[in-house]
Structures are given as structure tokens and as C-alpha cells.
Amino acid sequence: MLVGCFLVFIGLFIKITKKIELINRLDERKKYNRDMLSAFAGNNLVYMGLLEILLGIITLICFSQTKNNAIKIGIFIANIVILVFFSFKVTLSLKKYEISKEDEIN
């Protein structure tokens, strides 16, 4: 749950301050629509953090006393899937927020 809180904090920080430089795989030689990209990346980090917090709460309430390792492994895999999905979603969407040279002229 601590990681989820950290992700929510970083997401809100990126969204509010528009610090797109914190985004991984961002090509600093290219220009991006700072407002839209910071909102998109910030929102996705907030969603990722909230899902991690929710999964942590469900784990504590429902499965904290279980001895079944399959459930624990399933929860761990769900955490990894959430992190990987949202990370790839942001990384693969960077091109959509690039400002082309034609857009700069207009």
C-alpha cells in the first residue's frame, strides 16, 4: 500500500506541476504537449496507485490469514500486471503527445 500512496503522490505531482521530465523514455530532443501529456501520465500514475492501494486493502482484509501460497502468488502477479500495463500504456502513448514541426509553425 505504501507503493500505491507513492504512485498517487507522484502522479498528482506530475499532473499539477506539469513536470513531464519525470516520465521514463521521454525523448528530451522532441517537443510534447506539456498540458495533455502531464495530465495523461499523472492520471495513469494515480490510477496505478489507487489500484495498488485497493489490492493491498483486499489482501489485508481477505487473505492476511491464509496459508495458501497460490493466493499470495496470484496477488503478487496481479500487482506486477497492474504496474506493467500502466507503464507500457504511458510509454507507448508518448508519440501521440509529440508536437510536430508543422504544429509549431501554426
C-alpha atoms as a PDB file:
ATOM      1  CA  MET A   1       0.000   0.000   0.000  1.00  0.00           C
ATOM      2  CA  LEU A   2       2.958   2.290   0.593  1.00  0.00           C
ATOM      3  CA  VAL A   3       3.979   1.964  -3.055  1.00  0.00           C
ATOM      4  CA  GLY A   4       0.420   2.844  -4.084  1.00  0.00           C
ATOM      5  CA  CYS A   5       0.492   6.000  -1.967  1.00  0.00           C
ATOM      6  CA  PHE A   6       3.843   6.945  -3.513  1.00  0.00           C
ATOM      7  CA  LEU A   7       2.471   6.432  -7.044  1.00  0.00           C
ATOM      8  CA  VAL A   8      -0.595   8.578  -6.280  1.00  0.00           C
ATOM      9  CA  PHE A   9       1.667  11.320  -4.908  1.00  0.00           C
ATOM     10  CA  ILE A  10       3.996  11.241  -7.937  1.00  0.00           C
ATOM     11  CA  GLY A  11       1.004  11.183 -10.315  1.00  0.00           C
ATOM     12  CA  LEU A  12      -0.556  14.232  -8.692  1.00  0.00           C
ATOM     13  CA  PHE A  13       2.830  15.963  -8.653  1.00  0.00           C
ATOM     14  CA  ILE A  14       3.333  15.398 -12.397  1.00  0.00           C
ATOM     15  CA  LYS A  15      -0.228  16.447 -13.183  1.00  0.00           C
ATOM     16  CA  ILE A  16      -0.184  19.635 -11.095  1.00  0.00           C
ATOM     17  CA  THR A  17       3.374  20.837 -11.790  1.00  0.00           C
ATOM     18  CA  LYS A  18       3.494  19.547 -15.401  1.00  0.00           C
ATOM     19  CA  LYS A  19       6.959  18.029 -14.820  1.00  0.00           C
ATOM     20  CA  ILE A  20       6.924  15.703 -17.816  1.00  0.00           C
ATOM     21  CA  GLU A  21      10.692  15.315 -17.455  1.00  0.00           C
ATOM     22  CA  LEU A  22       9.985  12.694 -14.774  1.00  0.00           C
ATOM     23  CA  ILE A  23       8.420  10.368 -17.351  1.00  0.00           C
ATOM     24  CA  ASN A  24      10.612   7.447 -18.349  1.00  0.00           C
ATOM     25  CA  ARG A  25      11.616   7.067 -22.018  1.00  0.00           C
ATOM     26  CA  LEU A  26      10.793  10.702 -22.777  1.00  0.00           C
ATOM     27  CA  ASP A  27      12.967  11.988 -25.615  1.00  0.00           C
ATOM     28  CA  GLU A  28      14.053  15.432 -24.469  1.00  0.00           C
ATOM     29  CA  ARG A  29      15.020  16.426 -28.021  1.00  0.00           C
ATOM     30  CA  LYS A  30      11.361  16.318 -29.062  1.00  0.00           C
ATOM     31  CA  LYS A  31       8.638  18.740 -28.064  1.00  0.00           C
ATOM     32  CA  TYR A  32       5.496  17.487 -26.358  1.00  0.00           C
ATOM     33  CA  ASN A  33       2.138  18.978 -25.484  1.00  0.00           C
ATOM     34  CA  ARG A  34       3.060  19.524 -21.840  1.00  0.00           C
ATOM     35  CA  ASP A  35      -0.502  20.057 -20.570  1.00  0.00           C
ATOM     36  CA  MET A  36      -2.016  16.973 -22.163  1.00  0.00           C
ATOM     37  CA  LEU A  37       0.956  14.672 -21.515  1.00  0.00           C
ATOM     38  CA  SER A  38       1.274  15.658 -17.857  1.00  0.00           C
ATOM     39  CA  ALA A  39      -2.466  15.109 -17.345  1.00  0.00           C
ATOM     40  CA  PHE A  40      -2.371  11.725 -19.112  1.00  0.00           C
ATOM     41  CA  ALA A  41       0.729  10.444 -17.302  1.00  0.00           C
ATOM     42  CA  GLY A  42      -0.369  11.877 -13.955  1.00  0.00           C
ATOM     43  CA  ASN A  43      -3.824  10.317 -14.201  1.00  0.00           C
ATOM     44  CA  ASN A  44      -2.366   6.934 -15.121  1.00  0.00           C
ATOM     45  CA  LEU A  45       0.017   7.031 -12.157  1.00  0.00           C
ATOM     46  CA  VAL A  46      -2.893   7.934  -9.868  1.00  0.00           C
ATOM     47  CA  TYR A  47      -4.954   5.025 -11.263  1.00  0.00           C
ATOM     48  CA  MET A  48      -1.998   2.688 -10.821  1.00  0.00           C
ATOM     49  CA  GLY A  49      -1.508   3.841  -7.237  1.00  0.00           C
ATOM     50  CA  LEU A  50      -5.191   3.548  -6.357  1.00  0.00           C
ATOM     51  CA  LEU A  51      -5.332   0.018  -7.774  1.00  0.00           C
ATOM     52  CA  GLU A  52      -2.264  -0.934  -5.735  1.00  0.00           C
ATOM     53  CA  ILE A  53      -3.856   0.511  -2.582  1.00  0.00           C
ATOM     54  CA  LEU A  54      -7.143  -1.296  -3.303  1.00  0.00           C
ATOM     55  CA  LEU A  55      -5.337  -4.573  -3.890  1.00  0.00           C
ATOM     56  CA  GLY A  56      -3.403  -4.066  -0.658  1.00  0.00           C
ATOM     57  CA  ILE A  57      -6.598  -3.463   1.324  1.00  0.00           C
ATOM     58  CA  ILE A  58      -8.287  -6.516  -0.204  1.00  0.00           C
ATOM     59  CA  THR A  59      -5.208  -8.576   0.625  1.00  0.00           C
ATOM     60  CA  LEU A  60      -5.174  -7.397   4.237  1.00  0.00           C
ATOM     61  CA  ILE A  61      -8.886  -7.960   4.773  1.00  0.00           C
ATOM     62  CA  CYS A  62      -9.433 -11.212   2.909  1.00  0.00           C
ATOM     63  CA  PHE A  63      -6.150 -13.048   2.650  1.00  0.00           C
ATOM     64  CA  SER A  64      -3.918 -11.981   5.535  1.00  0.00           C
ATOM     65  CA  GLN A  65      -4.540 -15.211   7.456  1.00  0.00           C
ATOM     66  CA  THR A  66      -4.384 -17.602   4.518  1.00  0.00           C
ATOM     67  CA  LYS A  67      -1.736 -20.277   4.308  1.00  0.00           C
ATOM     68  CA  ASN A  68      -2.437 -20.848   0.613  1.00  0.00           C
ATOM     69  CA  ASN A  69       0.634 -19.796  -1.359  1.00  0.00           C
ATOM     70  CA  ALA A  70      -1.283 -19.845  -4.654  1.00  0.00           C
ATOM     71  CA  ILE A  71      -3.376 -16.885  -3.486  1.00  0.00           C
ATOM     72  CA  LYS A  72      -0.279 -14.961  -2.418  1.00  0.00           C
ATOM     73  CA  ILE A  73       1.408 -15.652  -5.752  1.00  0.00           C
ATOM     74  CA  GLY A  74      -1.763 -14.593  -7.597  1.00  0.00           C
ATOM     75  CA  ILE A  75      -1.849 -11.291  -5.717  1.00  0.00           C
ATOM     76  CA  PHE A  76       1.838 -10.707  -6.482  1.00  0.00           C
ATOM     77  CA  ILE A  77       1.234 -11.406 -10.182  1.00  0.00           C
ATOM     78  CA  ALA A  78      -1.769  -9.034 -10.171  1.00  0.00           C
ATOM     79  CA  ASN A  79       0.474  -6.295  -8.753  1.00  0.00           C
ATOM     80  CA  ILE A  80       3.064  -6.875 -11.471  1.00  0.00           C
ATOM     81  CA  VAL A  81       0.404  -6.875 -14.217  1.00  0.00           C
ATOM     82  CA  ILE A  82      -1.010  -3.549 -12.977  1.00  0.00           C
ATOM     83  CA  LEU A  83       2.420  -1.922 -12.920  1.00  0.00           C
ATOM     84  CA  VAL A  84       3.478  -3.272 -16.320  1.00  0.00           C
ATOM     85  CA  PHE A  85       0.163  -2.434 -18.023  1.00  0.00           C
ATOM     86  CA  PHE A  86       0.080   1.212 -16.975  1.00  0.00           C
ATOM     87  CA  SER A  87       3.825   1.662 -17.579  1.00  0.00           C
ATOM     88  CA  PHE A  88       3.520   0.401 -21.150  1.00  0.00           C
ATOM     89  CA  LYS A  89       0.330   2.398 -21.674  1.00  0.00           C
ATOM     90  CA  VAL A  90       2.107   5.658 -20.873  1.00  0.00           C
ATOM     91  CA  THR A  91       5.312   4.756 -22.714  1.00  0.00           C
ATOM     92  CA  LEU A  92       3.544   3.675 -25.896  1.00  0.00           C
ATOM     93  CA  SER A  93       1.326   6.778 -25.889  1.00  0.00           C
ATOM     94  CA  LEU A  94       4.178   9.304 -25.838  1.00  0.00           C
ATOM     95  CA  LYS A  95       4.148   9.653 -29.632  1.00  0.00           C
ATOM     96  CA  LYS A  96       0.525  10.825 -29.508  1.00  0.00           C
ATOM     97  CA  TYR A  97       1.550  13.889 -27.482  1.00  0.00           C
ATOM     98  CA  GLU A  98       4.511  14.942 -29.659  1.00  0.00           C
ATOM     99  CA  ILE A  99       4.282  18.325 -31.316  1.00  0.00           C
ATOM    100  CA  SER A 100       5.286  18.077 -34.953  1.00  0.00           C
ATOM    101  CA  LYS A 101       7.205  20.824 -36.736  1.00  0.00           C
ATOM    102  CA  GLU A 102       4.063  21.657 -38.719  1.00  0.00           C
ATOM    103  CA  ASP A 103       2.137  22.232 -35.481  1.00  0.00           C
ATOM    104  CA  GLU A 104       4.906  24.508 -34.173  1.00  0.00           C
ATOM    105  CA  ILE A 105       4.628  26.748 -37.242  1.00  0.00           C
ATOM    106  CA  ASN A 106       0.845  27.108 -36.889  1.00  0.00           C
END
